Amino acid sequence: MNFDYSPLSRKLTPEELQAYQAGGISFFAHPASKIFAIIGGVAFLGLIAAMSIVLLVSKASPWFLIVFIVFVIFMVGGAALSAYQRHQRNSKLFTFAKVNNLQLVINRTGSFHPGIIFTQGHGQVTREALVFANGSEIGNFEYTTGSGKNRQVHKWGYMTAKLACKLPHMLLDACCFTI
C-alpha cells in the first residue's frame, strides 16, 4: 500500500479545513467534554470575578493585581494554544485519512477489541485511530486504573489486523526491552 503523507507535513488549505469542520468531528466529540468545558468556563469566570472583587475591596498592592492578571492571561493563552494545536492535529489526520481512503475515529469511548489492554481499567477511550479498508486499525488507546491519589492513566499505541488463522493476543512493549 502506498500512502500520501503530504497532509501530515504541509499547511492545510482553507478548503481542507472546511471539509474537516463539515465532517462532524470536533474537539468536543465526547458528550462529557461539552459539560466539563461549560462548567470549567463558568468556574474560571467566577474565580476571576471573585479574585477581582477581593483585590479591589482589600486595597491590596497593585503589583499583586498585575501578577494575577498576567497569570490569567497565561492560563487563557495556554488553553487556547492547546485547543488550536489539537484542532490542527485532528484536521491533518482527517485530511490524511480522506486522501488515503481511510476512516478516522476520534474519541471513541469503550473497548471494541479483544486483548489485554482493551479489558483493563475504566474510562477507556480510543483517542484517534485510522481504520483501513481491510479492517486493520492503528490508533492510540487509553484507560484509567485506580482512583483518587492512586489514579493512573495508561496510554497505548495499538494495531489490529485480520489474520488467516487464530493466534493468541500479543503485547509488544518496547519500553521494557533490554539487551
Foldseek 3Di string as FASTA:
>chain_A
DDFDLVLVPDDDDPVLLVCLVVVPDAPCPDVVSVVCVVVVVVVVVVVVVVVVVVCVVVVDDVVVVVVVVVVVVVVVVVVVVVRVVVSSNSSSVVVRCVRGVKDKDAFDWAADDDDDVRPDAHRKTFHIWTADPQGKIWTKIWHWDDDDPPIDIDIDTDIDDDDPDDDDDDDDDPVPDDD
